[in-house]
Each structure stands twice: as structure tokens, then as C-alpha cells.
Amino acid sequence: MAENTVKLDIPFQSLIAAISSLKTAEKHQLLEFIEAELFPEEDDPDDIAEVQAARADYRAGDYTTFDRYTAERSNRSV
């Protein structure tokens, strides 16, 4: 299916005037959109390493089931 596109050449001052006429909630929406465009979320190398380590522990059998955890926890408080 062909994609339809429209390219507009809007003078910057007209864009500023249009933004100025928006309600506060609409400006917040626009701000969120612009921030997402300027600062795309990238995976943090530390987070990736932590997830990989957790997966390796799981594959190696180094984990506790929830049932085992709750049983051990209840034994400690007795």
C-alpha cells in the first residue's frame, strides 16, 4: 500500500504563534512529543548487563521460586 505524505513549509514565526494559541494541556502534550523526539530512550549498558547477568543466573539454576522464598521468610519469623 502506498504511503501518502504531505510536506509543509511553515514559517517558524507562524509555528510559534500557533503554539502560543494552544491551551496549557495541549502545550504539555507537545512538550512530551518534542522531548521524545529529542531524547529517545536508549537502553543503558548497565541495565543491559544486569538483565544478562540475571538471565545467566536463571539458566544456571541460581534462583529462588516465590513459594520457596515465602516459606523461608515465614520460617525466619517464627
Protein backbone atom coordinates (compact mmCIF):
# COMPACT_ATOMS: atom_id res chain seq x y z
CA MET A 1 0.00 0.00 0.00
CA ALA A 2 1.41 3.39 -0.96
CA GLU A 3 2.15 5.81 1.84
CA ASN A 4 0.66 9.27 1.49
CA THR A 5 2.80 12.11 2.76
CA VAL A 6 2.36 15.84 2.91
CA LYS A 7 5.26 18.22 3.35
CA LEU A 8 4.51 21.66 4.67
CA ASP A 9 6.73 24.69 4.74
CA ILE A 10 5.51 26.62 7.78
CA PRO A 11 7.38 29.78 8.72
CA PHE A 12 8.86 29.47 12.20
CA GLN A 13 7.06 32.58 13.47
CA SER A 14 3.74 31.08 12.35
CA LEU A 15 4.58 27.92 14.24
CA ILE A 16 5.38 29.96 17.36
CA ALA A 17 2.08 31.82 17.02
CA ALA A 18 0.18 28.55 16.63
CA ILE A 19 1.88 27.08 19.71
CA SER A 20 1.12 30.24 21.70
CA SER A 21 -2.57 29.82 20.94
CA LEU A 22 -2.67 26.28 22.41
CA LYS A 23 -4.20 25.52 25.79
CA THR A 24 -1.83 24.54 28.59
CA ALA A 25 -2.72 20.83 28.37
CA GLU A 26 -2.03 20.86 24.63
CA LYS A 27 1.33 22.57 25.22
CA HIS A 28 2.23 19.83 27.71
CA GLN A 29 1.35 17.21 25.08
CA LEU A 30 3.52 18.99 22.56
CA LEU A 31 6.38 19.21 25.06
CA GLU A 32 6.18 15.46 25.72
CA PHE A 33 6.29 14.80 21.98
CA ILE A 34 9.27 17.10 21.43
CA GLU A 35 11.17 15.61 24.38
CA ALA A 36 10.58 12.12 23.00
CA GLU A 37 11.93 13.24 19.64
CA LEU A 38 14.97 14.98 21.13
CA PHE A 39 15.82 12.41 23.79
CA PRO A 40 14.84 8.94 22.61
CA GLU A 41 15.08 6.36 25.34
CA GLU A 42 18.13 4.22 24.86
CA ASP A 43 18.97 1.12 26.77
CA ASP A 44 21.51 1.84 29.47
CA PRO A 45 24.52 -0.50 29.16
CA ASP A 46 24.41 -1.10 32.94
CA ASP A 47 20.76 -2.17 32.72
CA ILE A 48 21.51 -4.50 29.81
CA ALA A 49 24.40 -6.07 31.73
CA GLU A 50 22.20 -6.55 34.81
CA VAL A 51 19.48 -8.29 32.79
CA GLN A 52 22.04 -10.51 31.08
CA ALA A 53 23.52 -11.48 34.45
CA ALA A 54 20.07 -12.28 35.83
CA ARG A 55 19.31 -14.47 32.81
CA ALA A 56 22.62 -16.28 33.21
CA ASP A 57 21.85 -16.92 36.90
CA TYR A 58 18.43 -18.28 35.96
CA ARG A 59 19.88 -20.62 33.30
CA ALA A 60 22.41 -21.83 35.87
CA GLY A 61 19.60 -22.59 38.33
CA ASP A 62 20.66 -19.83 40.70
CA TYR A 63 17.23 -18.52 41.61
CA THR A 64 14.51 -18.92 44.24
CA THR A 65 10.86 -19.56 43.47
CA PHE A 66 8.29 -17.34 45.10
CA ASP A 67 6.90 -20.29 47.07
CA ARG A 68 10.36 -21.16 48.41
CA TYR A 69 11.03 -17.51 49.26
CA THR A 70 7.78 -17.13 51.22
CA ALA A 71 8.35 -20.44 53.02
CA GLU A 72 11.89 -19.41 54.02
CA ARG A 73 10.66 -16.00 55.08
CA SER A 74 7.90 -17.41 57.27
CA ASN A 75 10.40 -19.82 58.88
CA ARG A 76 12.68 -16.89 59.79
CA SER A 77 9.97 -15.00 61.63
CA VAL A 78 8.99 -17.98 63.83
